[in-house]
Amino acid sequence: MKERPLLIVFFLATLIPFLTVMITNYLFPIYVAKTLEAGPSVYAMYEVIYVIGAVLAGITIQRLTSLIGYLPMLLGMMALFWLSIVSISLIQTVLIFLGMQMVMGWGNAEIRINRNTLLMEIVPNRLIGRINSFYAAVEKAFRVTLIALFSTTVQQTGASLSFQSFLALFAIFAVWGARSIIQLSKDAAIHEPVAKKLVVK
């Protein structure tokens, strides 16, 4: 991680969609009740549709990733994820809200699977446990901090999704900026002790 600090940026940025989902799990019930003025049935449907999107990711990820590669797939799914949050924020209707849940479920699952695959391909086996522990600790710290922040401000701001939109957009630019550290070809996994520059083909 000292030799390749861009890896830290890349893998932390790819955690942001998952963190955003954790925050929206807290905000969406308020959004449904206060903004959409809908009943419990809409909230239940949103949960089901999100799961359908995640299942769809499991069905499509292998073929799509083999066609376009890990990094384009990550960037594309992160862009779709961002667009789904922006759509929910700007177009406050039940139909858009439910439709974008499938996109969010699909995008988040695709991002997490590709992220974990890249992590296992790039990080040597002897270091993978410590690296995973580092990212898990950072993710938990961010999650607790953000949920604590929103739980204290939601009464004043309502279920605003603008901050989540900003986080998702920031993640896209961070992944794009750190893309040079990721080697997509199978024979370029980092197993040598000597640092070398990786270039995306």
N, C-alpha and C. Protein backbone atom coordinates (compact mmCIF):
# COMPACT_ATOMS: atom_id res chain seq x y z
N MET A 1 0.82 -1.20 0.00
CA MET A 1 0.00 0.00 0.00
C MET A 1 0.86 1.27 0.00
N LYS A 2 2.04 1.18 0.64
CA LYS A 2 2.97 2.31 0.59
C LYS A 2 3.54 2.49 -0.81
N GLU A 3 3.78 1.36 -1.49
CA GLU A 3 4.33 1.44 -2.84
C GLU A 3 3.31 1.90 -3.86
N ARG A 4 2.04 1.64 -3.62
CA ARG A 4 1.00 1.95 -4.59
C ARG A 4 -0.17 2.66 -3.89
N PRO A 5 0.02 3.92 -3.49
CA PRO A 5 -1.06 4.61 -2.77
C PRO A 5 -2.33 4.79 -3.60
N LEU A 6 -2.20 4.77 -4.93
CA LEU A 6 -3.40 4.88 -5.76
C LEU A 6 -4.34 3.70 -5.56
N LEU A 7 -3.78 2.56 -5.14
CA LEU A 7 -4.65 1.42 -4.85
C LEU A 7 -5.60 1.73 -3.70
N ILE A 8 -5.11 2.48 -2.71
CA ILE A 8 -5.96 2.85 -1.58
C ILE A 8 -7.10 3.72 -2.08
N VAL A 9 -6.77 4.70 -2.91
CA VAL A 9 -7.80 5.59 -3.46
C VAL A 9 -8.81 4.79 -4.27
N PHE A 10 -8.32 3.91 -5.12
CA PHE A 10 -9.20 3.15 -6.00
C PHE A 10 -10.18 2.29 -5.22
N PHE A 11 -9.67 1.50 -4.29
CA PHE A 11 -10.53 0.56 -3.58
C PHE A 11 -11.42 1.24 -2.54
N LEU A 12 -10.98 2.37 -1.98
CA LEU A 12 -11.87 3.13 -1.10
C LEU A 12 -13.01 3.76 -1.90
N ALA A 13 -12.68 4.26 -3.09
CA ALA A 13 -13.72 4.87 -3.93
C ALA A 13 -14.78 3.86 -4.34
N THR A 14 -14.35 2.62 -4.61
CA THR A 14 -15.32 1.61 -5.02
C THR A 14 -16.16 1.11 -3.85
N LEU A 15 -15.83 1.51 -2.63
CA LEU A 15 -16.67 1.21 -1.47
C LEU A 15 -17.83 2.19 -1.32
N ILE A 16 -17.73 3.36 -1.94
CA ILE A 16 -18.70 4.42 -1.72
C ILE A 16 -20.13 4.03 -2.13
N PRO A 17 -20.34 3.35 -3.27
CA PRO A 17 -21.72 2.94 -3.56
C PRO A 17 -22.35 2.09 -2.46
N PHE A 18 -21.57 1.18 -1.88
CA PHE A 18 -22.10 0.37 -0.78
C PHE A 18 -22.43 1.24 0.42
N LEU A 19 -21.55 2.19 0.75
CA LEU A 19 -21.82 3.11 1.86
C LEU A 19 -23.08 3.93 1.58
N THR A 20 -23.26 4.32 0.33
CA THR A 20 -24.45 5.09 -0.04
C THR A 20 -25.71 4.26 0.17
N VAL A 21 -25.65 2.99 -0.18
CA VAL A 21 -26.80 2.11 0.05
C VAL A 21 -27.11 2.01 1.53
N MET A 22 -26.09 1.92 2.37
CA MET A 22 -26.30 1.85 3.81
C MET A 22 -27.00 3.11 4.32
N ILE A 23 -26.61 4.27 3.78
CA ILE A 23 -27.23 5.52 4.21
C ILE A 23 -28.67 5.60 3.72
N THR A 24 -28.90 5.23 2.46
CA THR A 24 -30.26 5.31 1.92
C THR A 24 -31.20 4.31 2.60
N ASN A 25 -30.67 3.22 3.14
CA ASN A 25 -31.52 2.32 3.91
C ASN A 25 -32.12 3.03 5.12
N TYR A 26 -31.41 4.02 5.61
CA TYR A 26 -31.92 4.83 6.72
C TYR A 26 -32.84 5.94 6.22
N LEU A 27 -32.50 6.53 5.04
CA LEU A 27 -33.25 7.68 4.55
C LEU A 27 -34.49 7.33 3.75
N PHE A 28 -34.47 6.20 3.04
CA PHE A 28 -35.58 5.89 2.14
C PHE A 28 -36.94 5.74 2.85
N PRO A 29 -37.01 5.13 4.05
CA PRO A 29 -38.32 5.11 4.71
C PRO A 29 -38.88 6.51 4.95
N ILE A 30 -38.00 7.45 5.28
CA ILE A 30 -38.44 8.84 5.48
C ILE A 30 -38.82 9.45 4.13
N TYR A 31 -38.05 9.14 3.10
CA TYR A 31 -38.33 9.65 1.75
C TYR A 31 -39.70 9.15 1.27
N VAL A 32 -39.98 7.87 1.48
CA VAL A 32 -41.26 7.30 1.06
C VAL A 32 -42.41 7.95 1.81
N ALA A 33 -42.27 8.09 3.12
CA ALA A 33 -43.37 8.60 3.93
C ALA A 33 -43.58 10.11 3.78
N LYS A 34 -42.49 10.87 3.78
CA LYS A 34 -42.60 12.33 3.80
C LYS A 34 -42.60 12.96 2.41
N THR A 35 -41.71 12.48 1.54
CA THR A 35 -41.58 13.10 0.22
C THR A 35 -42.59 12.53 -0.77
N LEU A 36 -42.64 11.19 -0.87
CA LEU A 36 -43.58 10.57 -1.79
C LEU A 36 -44.99 10.47 -1.22
N GLU A 37 -45.09 10.59 0.11
CA GLU A 37 -46.37 10.45 0.81
C GLU A 37 -47.06 9.14 0.42
N ALA A 38 -46.27 8.07 0.42
CA ALA A 38 -46.76 6.74 0.06
C ALA A 38 -46.82 5.87 1.31
N GLY A 39 -47.48 4.71 1.17
CA GLY A 39 -47.68 3.83 2.30
C GLY A 39 -46.62 2.75 2.41
N PRO A 40 -46.79 1.84 3.36
CA PRO A 40 -45.83 0.76 3.60
C PRO A 40 -45.66 -0.17 2.40
N SER A 41 -46.68 -0.28 1.56
CA SER A 41 -46.57 -1.17 0.40
C SER A 41 -45.47 -0.73 -0.55
N VAL A 42 -45.29 0.58 -0.70
CA VAL A 42 -44.22 1.09 -1.57
C VAL A 42 -42.86 0.75 -0.99
N TYR A 43 -42.73 0.89 0.31
CA TYR A 43 -41.46 0.54 0.95
C TYR A 43 -41.16 -0.95 0.79
N ALA A 44 -42.18 -1.79 0.94
CA ALA A 44 -41.98 -3.23 0.76
C ALA A 44 -41.60 -3.56 -0.68
N MET A 45 -42.24 -2.90 -1.64
CA MET A 45 -41.93 -3.13 -3.05
C MET A 45 -40.50 -2.71 -3.37
N TYR A 46 -40.07 -1.61 -2.77
CA TYR A 46 -38.70 -1.15 -3.03
C TYR A 46 -37.67 -2.18 -2.57
N GLU A 47 -37.91 -2.81 -1.45
CA GLU A 47 -36.99 -3.85 -0.96
C GLU A 47 -36.94 -5.03 -1.94
N VAL A 48 -38.10 -5.45 -2.42
CA VAL A 48 -38.16 -6.60 -3.33
C VAL A 48 -37.49 -6.26 -4.66
N ILE A 49 -37.76 -5.08 -5.19
CA ILE A 49 -37.19 -4.69 -6.49
C ILE A 49 -35.68 -4.54 -6.38
N TYR A 50 -35.20 -4.01 -5.27
CA TYR A 50 -33.74 -3.91 -5.08
C TYR A 50 -33.10 -5.29 -5.13
N VAL A 51 -33.71 -6.27 -4.47
CA VAL A 51 -33.18 -7.63 -4.47
C VAL A 51 -33.19 -8.22 -5.87
N ILE A 52 -34.24 -7.93 -6.64
CA ILE A 52 -34.30 -8.42 -8.03
C ILE A 52 -33.12 -7.86 -8.83
N GLY A 53 -32.82 -6.58 -8.62
CA GLY A 53 -31.67 -5.98 -9.29
C GLY A 53 -30.36 -6.66 -8.92
N ALA A 54 -30.20 -7.00 -7.63
CA ALA A 54 -28.99 -7.69 -7.18
C ALA A 54 -28.88 -9.08 -7.80
N VAL A 55 -30.03 -9.78 -7.91
CA VAL A 55 -30.02 -11.10 -8.55
C VAL A 55 -29.66 -10.96 -10.02
N LEU A 56 -30.19 -9.92 -10.67
CA LEU A 56 -29.86 -9.67 -12.07
C LEU A 56 -28.37 -9.47 -12.26
N ALA A 57 -27.72 -8.83 -11.29
CA ALA A 57 -26.27 -8.64 -11.36
C ALA A 57 -25.55 -9.98 -11.39
N GLY A 58 -25.99 -10.90 -10.55
CA GLY A 58 -25.36 -12.22 -10.53
C GLY A 58 -25.50 -12.96 -11.84
N ILE A 59 -26.60 -12.71 -12.55
CA ILE A 59 -26.84 -13.39 -13.82
C ILE A 59 -26.02 -12.78 -14.95
N THR A 60 -25.83 -11.47 -14.91
CA THR A 60 -25.23 -10.77 -16.06
C THR A 60 -23.76 -10.44 -15.90
N ILE A 61 -23.22 -10.49 -14.67
CA ILE A 61 -21.89 -9.91 -14.45
C ILE A 61 -20.78 -10.62 -15.24
N GLN A 62 -20.82 -11.94 -15.30
CA GLN A 62 -19.73 -12.65 -15.95
C GLN A 62 -19.65 -12.31 -17.44
N ARG A 63 -20.80 -12.31 -18.09
CA ARG A 63 -20.80 -12.04 -19.53
C ARG A 63 -20.43 -10.58 -19.82
N LEU A 64 -21.01 -9.65 -19.06
CA LEU A 64 -20.72 -8.25 -19.31
C LEU A 64 -19.26 -7.91 -19.03
N THR A 65 -18.73 -8.45 -17.94
CA THR A 65 -17.33 -8.17 -17.61
C THR A 65 -16.39 -8.77 -18.63
N SER A 66 -16.69 -9.96 -19.13
CA SER A 66 -15.84 -10.57 -20.15
C SER A 66 -15.88 -9.79 -21.46
N LEU A 67 -16.98 -9.08 -21.70
CA LEU A 67 -17.10 -8.31 -22.94
C LEU A 67 -16.36 -6.98 -22.86
N ILE A 68 -16.45 -6.30 -21.72
CA ILE A 68 -15.90 -4.94 -21.68
C ILE A 68 -14.76 -4.76 -20.68
N GLY A 69 -14.51 -5.72 -19.80
CA GLY A 69 -13.40 -5.62 -18.85
C GLY A 69 -13.84 -5.09 -17.50
N TYR A 70 -13.00 -5.34 -16.49
CA TYR A 70 -13.33 -4.98 -15.12
C TYR A 70 -13.49 -3.48 -14.92
N LEU A 71 -12.51 -2.71 -15.38
CA LEU A 71 -12.54 -1.28 -15.10
C LEU A 71 -13.67 -0.55 -15.82
N PRO A 72 -13.87 -0.78 -17.14
CA PRO A 72 -15.04 -0.14 -17.77
C PRO A 72 -16.35 -0.55 -17.12
N MET A 73 -16.43 -1.81 -16.68
CA MET A 73 -17.64 -2.28 -16.03
C MET A 73 -17.86 -1.54 -14.71
N LEU A 74 -16.80 -1.38 -13.92
CA LEU A 74 -16.90 -0.65 -12.66
C LEU A 74 -17.36 0.79 -12.89
N LEU A 75 -16.72 1.46 -13.84
CA LEU A 75 -17.06 2.86 -14.09
C LEU A 75 -18.49 2.99 -14.62
N GLY A 76 -18.89 2.08 -15.50
CA GLY A 76 -20.24 2.13 -16.03
C GLY A 76 -21.29 1.91 -14.96
N MET A 77 -21.07 0.93 -14.10
CA MET A 77 -22.03 0.65 -13.03
C MET A 77 -22.07 1.79 -12.01
N MET A 78 -20.91 2.39 -11.74
CA MET A 78 -20.89 3.51 -10.80
C MET A 78 -21.62 4.71 -11.39
N ALA A 79 -21.51 4.92 -12.70
CA ALA A 79 -22.24 6.00 -13.35
C ALA A 79 -23.75 5.74 -13.30
N LEU A 80 -24.17 4.50 -13.55
CA LEU A 80 -25.58 4.15 -13.46
C LEU A 80 -26.11 4.33 -12.04
N PHE A 81 -25.30 3.94 -11.07
CA PHE A 81 -25.68 4.09 -9.67
C PHE A 81 -25.89 5.56 -9.34
N TRP A 82 -24.97 6.41 -9.78
CA TRP A 82 -25.09 7.85 -9.54
C TRP A 82 -26.35 8.41 -10.21
N LEU A 83 -26.61 8.00 -11.45
CA LEU A 83 -27.79 8.48 -12.16
C LEU A 83 -29.08 8.06 -11.46
N SER A 84 -29.07 6.87 -10.87
CA SER A 84 -30.27 6.41 -10.17
C SER A 84 -30.57 7.29 -8.96
N ILE A 85 -29.53 7.68 -8.23
CA ILE A 85 -29.75 8.53 -7.05
C ILE A 85 -30.19 9.93 -7.46
N VAL A 86 -29.57 10.45 -8.53
CA VAL A 86 -29.96 11.77 -9.03
C VAL A 86 -31.42 11.74 -9.49
N SER A 87 -31.81 10.69 -10.18
CA SER A 87 -33.19 10.58 -10.67
C SER A 87 -34.18 10.55 -9.52
N ILE A 88 -33.87 9.76 -8.48
CA ILE A 88 -34.77 9.70 -7.32
C ILE A 88 -34.86 11.06 -6.63
N SER A 89 -33.74 11.77 -6.59
CA SER A 89 -33.70 13.07 -5.92
C SER A 89 -34.49 14.13 -6.69
N LEU A 90 -34.37 14.12 -8.04
CA LEU A 90 -34.98 15.18 -8.85
C LEU A 90 -36.40 14.87 -9.28
N ILE A 91 -36.70 13.59 -9.53
CA ILE A 91 -38.04 13.20 -10.02
C ILE A 91 -38.71 12.41 -8.90
N GLN A 92 -39.47 13.08 -8.12
CA GLN A 92 -40.00 12.48 -6.89
C GLN A 92 -41.37 11.84 -7.14
N THR A 93 -41.32 10.69 -7.81
CA THR A 93 -42.52 9.91 -8.07
C THR A 93 -42.27 8.47 -7.65
N VAL A 94 -43.35 7.76 -7.34
CA VAL A 94 -43.21 6.37 -6.90
C VAL A 94 -42.64 5.51 -8.01
N LEU A 95 -43.06 5.74 -9.25
CA LEU A 95 -42.60 4.92 -10.38
C LEU A 95 -41.09 5.04 -10.57
N ILE A 96 -40.58 6.26 -10.55
CA ILE A 96 -39.13 6.47 -10.69
C ILE A 96 -38.39 5.87 -9.51
N PHE A 97 -38.92 6.06 -8.33
CA PHE A 97 -38.28 5.53 -7.13
C PHE A 97 -38.14 4.01 -7.20
N LEU A 98 -39.20 3.33 -7.58
CA LEU A 98 -39.16 1.87 -7.66
C LEU A 98 -38.28 1.40 -8.81
N GLY A 99 -38.39 2.07 -9.95
CA GLY A 99 -37.56 1.66 -11.09
C GLY A 99 -36.08 1.82 -10.82
N MET A 100 -35.70 2.90 -10.14
CA MET A 100 -34.29 3.13 -9.85
C MET A 100 -33.75 2.19 -8.78
N GLN A 101 -34.64 1.57 -8.01
CA GLN A 101 -34.17 0.59 -7.03
C GLN A 101 -33.55 -0.62 -7.72
N MET A 102 -34.11 -1.02 -8.85
CA MET A 102 -33.52 -2.13 -9.58
C MET A 102 -32.13 -1.76 -10.09
N VAL A 103 -32.00 -0.51 -10.58
CA VAL A 103 -30.70 -0.04 -11.06
C VAL A 103 -29.70 0.01 -9.92
N MET A 104 -30.13 0.49 -8.75
CA MET A 104 -29.24 0.56 -7.60
C MET A 104 -28.81 -0.82 -7.14
N GLY A 105 -29.77 -1.75 -7.07
CA GLY A 105 -29.42 -3.11 -6.67
C GLY A 105 -28.48 -3.78 -7.65
N TRP A 106 -28.73 -3.59 -8.93
CA TRP A 106 -27.88 -4.15 -9.98
C TRP A 106 -26.49 -3.53 -9.91
N GLY A 107 -26.44 -2.19 -9.86
CA GLY A 107 -25.15 -1.51 -9.87
C GLY A 107 -24.31 -1.81 -8.65
N ASN A 108 -24.91 -1.76 -7.46
CA ASN A 108 -24.14 -2.00 -6.24
C ASN A 108 -23.56 -3.41 -6.21
N ALA A 109 -24.36 -4.40 -6.58
CA ALA A 109 -23.87 -5.78 -6.57
C ALA A 109 -22.75 -5.98 -7.59
N GLU A 110 -22.91 -5.43 -8.79
CA GLU A 110 -21.87 -5.54 -9.82
C GLU A 110 -20.57 -4.90 -9.34
N ILE A 111 -20.68 -3.73 -8.75
CA ILE A 111 -19.49 -3.01 -8.27
C ILE A 111 -18.76 -3.81 -7.20
N ARG A 112 -19.50 -4.36 -6.25
CA ARG A 112 -18.87 -5.11 -5.17
C ARG A 112 -18.20 -6.38 -5.67
N ILE A 113 -18.84 -7.08 -6.59
CA ILE A 113 -18.25 -8.32 -7.11
C ILE A 113 -16.98 -8.01 -7.89
N ASN A 114 -17.03 -7.03 -8.79
CA ASN A 114 -15.84 -6.69 -9.58
C ASN A 114 -14.73 -6.12 -8.71
N ARG A 115 -15.11 -5.33 -7.70
CA ARG A 115 -14.11 -4.79 -6.79
C ARG A 115 -13.38 -5.91 -6.06
N ASN A 116 -14.13 -6.86 -5.51
CA ASN A 116 -13.51 -7.95 -4.77
C ASN A 116 -12.67 -8.84 -5.68
N THR A 117 -13.12 -9.03 -6.91
CA THR A 117 -12.34 -9.83 -7.87
C THR A 117 -11.01 -9.15 -8.18
N LEU A 118 -11.05 -7.84 -8.43
CA LEU A 118 -9.82 -7.11 -8.70
C LEU A 118 -8.89 -7.14 -7.49
N LEU A 119 -9.46 -7.00 -6.31
CA LEU A 119 -8.65 -7.02 -5.09
C LEU A 119 -7.91 -8.35 -4.96
N MET A 120 -8.59 -9.44 -5.23
CA MET A 120 -7.95 -10.76 -5.11
C MET A 120 -6.93 -11.00 -6.21
N GLU A 121 -7.16 -10.41 -7.39
CA GLU A 121 -6.20 -10.58 -8.48
C GLU A 121 -4.94 -9.75 -8.28
N ILE A 122 -5.08 -8.59 -7.66
CA ILE A 122 -3.96 -7.66 -7.55
C ILE A 122 -3.13 -7.88 -6.30
N VAL A 123 -3.78 -8.15 -5.19
CA VAL A 123 -3.07 -8.26 -3.91
C VAL A 123 -2.53 -9.68 -3.73
N PRO A 124 -1.27 -9.84 -3.36
CA PRO A 124 -0.72 -11.17 -3.12
C PRO A 124 -1.48 -11.90 -2.01
N ASN A 125 -1.52 -13.22 -2.11
CA ASN A 125 -2.26 -14.03 -1.13
C ASN A 125 -1.77 -13.81 0.30
N ARG A 126 -0.46 -13.58 0.46
CA ARG A 126 0.09 -13.43 1.81
C ARG A 126 -0.35 -12.11 2.46
N LEU A 127 -0.89 -11.17 1.66
CA LEU A 127 -1.30 -9.87 2.20
C LEU A 127 -2.80 -9.66 2.18
N ILE A 128 -3.56 -10.54 1.52
CA ILE A 128 -4.97 -10.27 1.28
C ILE A 128 -5.77 -10.13 2.58
N GLY A 129 -5.42 -10.91 3.60
CA GLY A 129 -6.15 -10.83 4.86
C GLY A 129 -6.00 -9.47 5.52
N ARG A 130 -4.76 -8.97 5.57
CA ARG A 130 -4.53 -7.67 6.20
C ARG A 130 -5.15 -6.54 5.39
N ILE A 131 -5.07 -6.63 4.07
CA ILE A 131 -5.65 -5.59 3.22
C ILE A 131 -7.17 -5.56 3.37
N ASN A 132 -7.79 -6.74 3.37
CA ASN A 132 -9.24 -6.81 3.56
C ASN A 132 -9.65 -6.24 4.91
N SER A 133 -8.87 -6.54 5.95
CA SER A 133 -9.17 -6.02 7.29
C SER A 133 -9.09 -4.51 7.32
N PHE A 134 -8.10 -3.96 6.62
CA PHE A 134 -7.96 -2.50 6.56
C PHE A 134 -9.19 -1.86 5.93
N TYR A 135 -9.61 -2.37 4.77
CA TYR A 135 -10.76 -1.78 4.10
C TYR A 135 -12.05 -2.00 4.87
N ALA A 136 -12.17 -3.14 5.54
CA ALA A 136 -13.36 -3.40 6.35
C ALA A 136 -13.44 -2.41 7.51
N ALA A 137 -12.30 -2.13 8.14
CA ALA A 137 -12.28 -1.18 9.25
C ALA A 137 -12.63 0.23 8.78
N VAL A 138 -12.06 0.63 7.65
CA VAL A 138 -12.36 1.96 7.12
C VAL A 138 -13.83 2.08 6.74
N GLU A 139 -14.36 1.03 6.11
CA GLU A 139 -15.77 1.04 5.70
C GLU A 139 -16.69 1.16 6.92
N LYS A 140 -16.40 0.41 7.98
CA LYS A 140 -17.22 0.48 9.18
C LYS A 140 -17.14 1.88 9.80
N ALA A 141 -15.95 2.47 9.84
CA ALA A 141 -15.79 3.80 10.43
C ALA A 141 -16.58 4.84 9.64
N PHE A 142 -16.50 4.78 8.30
CA PHE A 142 -17.25 5.70 7.46
C PHE A 142 -18.75 5.50 7.65
N ARG A 143 -19.18 4.23 7.71
CA ARG A 143 -20.60 3.93 7.83
C ARG A 143 -21.17 4.50 9.13
N VAL A 144 -20.47 4.26 10.24
CA VAL A 144 -20.95 4.75 11.54
C VAL A 144 -20.97 6.28 11.55
N THR A 145 -19.93 6.90 11.00
CA THR A 145 -19.86 8.36 10.98
C THR A 145 -20.99 8.97 10.18
N LEU A 146 -21.23 8.43 8.97
CA LEU A 146 -22.26 8.99 8.10
C LEU A 146 -23.66 8.77 8.66
N ILE A 147 -23.92 7.59 9.20
CA ILE A 147 -25.24 7.33 9.77
C ILE A 147 -25.48 8.22 10.99
N ALA A 148 -24.44 8.41 11.80
CA ALA A 148 -24.56 9.30 12.95
C ALA A 148 -24.85 10.74 12.49
N LEU A 149 -24.17 11.16 11.42
CA LEU A 149 -24.38 12.51 10.89
C LEU A 149 -25.82 12.69 10.42
N PHE A 150 -26.31 11.72 9.64
CA PHE A 150 -27.65 11.86 9.08
C PHE A 150 -28.73 11.70 10.14
N SER A 151 -28.49 10.88 11.13
CA SER A 151 -29.49 10.71 12.18
C SER A 151 -29.69 11.97 13.00
N THR A 152 -28.67 12.83 13.03
CA THR A 152 -28.78 14.08 13.80
C THR A 152 -29.27 15.25 12.94
N THR A 153 -29.19 15.12 11.62
CA THR A 153 -29.56 16.24 10.75
C THR A 153 -30.82 16.00 9.94
N VAL A 154 -31.33 14.77 9.95
CA VAL A 154 -32.45 14.46 9.06
C VAL A 154 -33.71 15.24 9.40
N GLN A 155 -33.90 15.59 10.66
CA GLN A 155 -35.09 16.36 11.02
C GLN A 155 -35.05 17.77 10.44
N GLN A 156 -33.86 18.31 10.28
CA GLN A 156 -33.73 19.65 9.71
C GLN A 156 -33.71 19.62 8.18
N THR A 157 -33.04 18.63 7.60
CA THR A 157 -32.84 18.60 6.15
C THR A 157 -33.85 17.72 5.42
N GLY A 158 -34.54 16.82 6.17
CA GLY A 158 -35.40 15.87 5.51
C GLY A 158 -34.56 14.77 4.85
N ALA A 159 -35.20 13.97 4.02
CA ALA A 159 -34.50 12.85 3.37
C ALA A 159 -33.81 13.33 2.10
N SER A 160 -32.95 14.31 2.23
CA SER A 160 -32.24 14.85 1.07
C SER A 160 -31.20 13.84 0.58
N LEU A 161 -31.15 13.66 -0.74
CA LEU A 161 -30.20 12.71 -1.33
C LEU A 161 -29.05 13.42 -2.03
N SER A 162 -28.93 14.74 -1.84
CA SER A 162 -27.90 15.50 -2.54
C SER A 162 -26.50 15.07 -2.11
N PHE A 163 -26.32 14.80 -0.81
CA PHE A 163 -25.00 14.40 -0.33
C PHE A 163 -24.63 13.03 -0.89
N GLN A 164 -25.60 12.12 -0.98
CA GLN A 164 -25.33 10.81 -1.55
C GLN A 164 -24.97 10.92 -3.02
N SER A 165 -25.63 11.83 -3.74
CA SER A 165 -25.30 12.06 -5.15
C SER A 165 -23.87 12.56 -5.30
N PHE A 166 -23.49 13.47 -4.39
CA PHE A 166 -22.13 13.99 -4.43
C PHE A 166 -21.11 12.89 -4.14
N LEU A 167 -21.39 12.05 -3.14
CA LEU A 167 -20.48 10.95 -2.81
C LEU A 167 -20.29 10.02 -4.00
N ALA A 168 -21.40 9.64 -4.65
CA ALA A 168 -21.32 8.71 -5.78
C ALA A 168 -20.56 9.33 -6.95
N LEU A 169 -20.76 10.64 -7.20
CA LEU A 169 -20.04 11.31 -8.28
C LEU A 169 -18.56 11.42 -7.95
N PHE A 170 -18.24 11.73 -6.71
CA PHE A 170 -16.84 11.78 -6.28
C PHE A 170 -16.16 10.43 -6.48
N ALA A 171 -16.88 9.35 -6.19
CA ALA A 171 -16.31 8.01 -6.35
C ALA A 171 -15.96 7.73 -7.80
N ILE A 172 -16.81 8.16 -8.73
CA ILE A 172 -16.54 7.95 -10.16
C ILE A 172 -15.24 8.64 -10.56
N PHE A 173 -15.09 9.90 -10.17
CA PHE A 173 -13.88 10.65 -10.53
C PHE A 173 -12.64 10.07 -9.84
N ALA A 174 -12.80 9.58 -8.61
CA ALA A 174 -11.66 8.98 -7.91
C ALA A 174 -11.20 7.70 -8.60
N VAL A 175 -12.16 6.86 -9.00
CA VAL A 175 -11.80 5.63 -9.71
C VAL A 175 -11.16 5.95 -11.05
N TRP A 176 -11.70 6.93 -11.75
CA TRP A 176 -11.13 7.33 -13.04
C TRP A 176 -9.71 7.87 -12.85
N GLY A 177 -9.51 8.67 -11.82
CA GLY A 177 -8.19 9.24 -11.59
C GLY A 177 -7.16 8.21 -11.16
N ALA A 178 -7.61 7.14 -10.50
CA ALA A 178 -6.68 6.11 -10.01
C ALA A 178 -6.60 4.91 -10.94
N ARG A 179 -7.19 5.01 -12.12
CA ARG A 179 -7.30 3.84 -13.00
C ARG A 179 -5.96 3.32 -13.47
N SER A 180 -4.92 4.18 -13.47
CA SER A 180 -3.63 3.76 -14.00
C SER A 180 -2.98 2.66 -13.17
N ILE A 181 -3.45 2.44 -11.95
CA ILE A 181 -2.84 1.44 -11.09
C ILE A 181 -3.40 0.04 -11.35
N ILE A 182 -4.50 -0.05 -12.08
CA ILE A 182 -5.15 -1.33 -12.28
C ILE A 182 -4.71 -1.94 -13.61
N GLN A 183 -4.25 -3.16 -13.55
CA GLN A 183 -3.85 -3.91 -14.75
C GLN A 183 -4.93 -4.94 -15.04
N LEU A 184 -5.55 -4.83 -16.20
CA LEU A 184 -6.67 -5.69 -16.51
C LEU A 184 -6.26 -7.06 -17.03
N SER A 185 -5.07 -7.19 -17.59
CA SER A 185 -4.65 -8.48 -18.11
C SER A 185 -4.34 -9.45 -16.99
N LYS A 186 -4.61 -10.71 -17.18
CA LYS A 186 -4.49 -11.72 -16.14
C LYS A 186 -3.05 -11.95 -15.70
N ASP A 187 -2.09 -11.72 -16.59
CA ASP A 187 -0.70 -12.04 -16.27
C ASP A 187 0.01 -10.91 -15.56
N ALA A 188 -0.73 -9.85 -15.13
CA ALA A 188 -0.08 -8.70 -14.51
C ALA A 188 -0.43 -8.56 -13.04
N ALA A 189 -0.90 -9.60 -12.41
CA ALA A 189 -1.19 -9.53 -10.97
C ALA A 189 0.10 -9.25 -10.21
N ILE A 190 0.00 -8.52 -9.11
CA ILE A 190 1.17 -8.10 -8.35
C ILE A 190 1.58 -9.21 -7.39
N HIS A 191 2.64 -9.90 -7.75
CA HIS A 191 3.17 -10.91 -6.86
C HIS A 191 4.67 -10.72 -6.61
N GLU A 192 5.29 -9.79 -7.37
CA GLU A 192 6.71 -9.54 -7.18
C GLU A 192 6.92 -8.52 -6.08
N PRO A 193 8.00 -8.63 -5.32
CA PRO A 193 8.26 -7.67 -4.25
C PRO A 193 8.71 -6.31 -4.76
N VAL A 194 9.20 -6.28 -6.02
CA VAL A 194 9.69 -5.03 -6.57
C VAL A 194 8.52 -4.28 -7.19
N ALA A 195 8.38 -3.01 -6.82
CA ALA A 195 7.25 -2.24 -7.34
C ALA A 195 7.44 -1.97 -8.82
N LYS A 196 6.36 -2.00 -9.56
CA LYS A 196 6.41 -1.64 -10.96
C LYS A 196 5.14 -0.89 -11.32
N LYS A 197 5.22 -0.05 -12.29
CA LYS A 197 4.08 0.74 -12.68
C LYS A 197 3.15 -0.09 -13.52
N LEU A 198 1.86 -0.02 -13.19
CA LEU A 198 0.86 -0.75 -13.95
C LEU A 198 0.10 0.22 -14.83
N VAL A 199 -0.18 -0.19 -16.03
CA VAL A 199 -0.89 0.66 -16.96
C VAL A 199 -2.09 -0.09 -17.49
N VAL A 200 -3.25 0.56 -17.50
CA VAL A 200 -4.44 -0.07 -18.04
C VAL A 200 -4.35 -0.13 -19.55
N LYS A 201 -4.63 -1.28 -20.11
CA LYS A 201 -4.63 -1.44 -21.56
C LYS A 201 -6.03 -1.21 -22.07
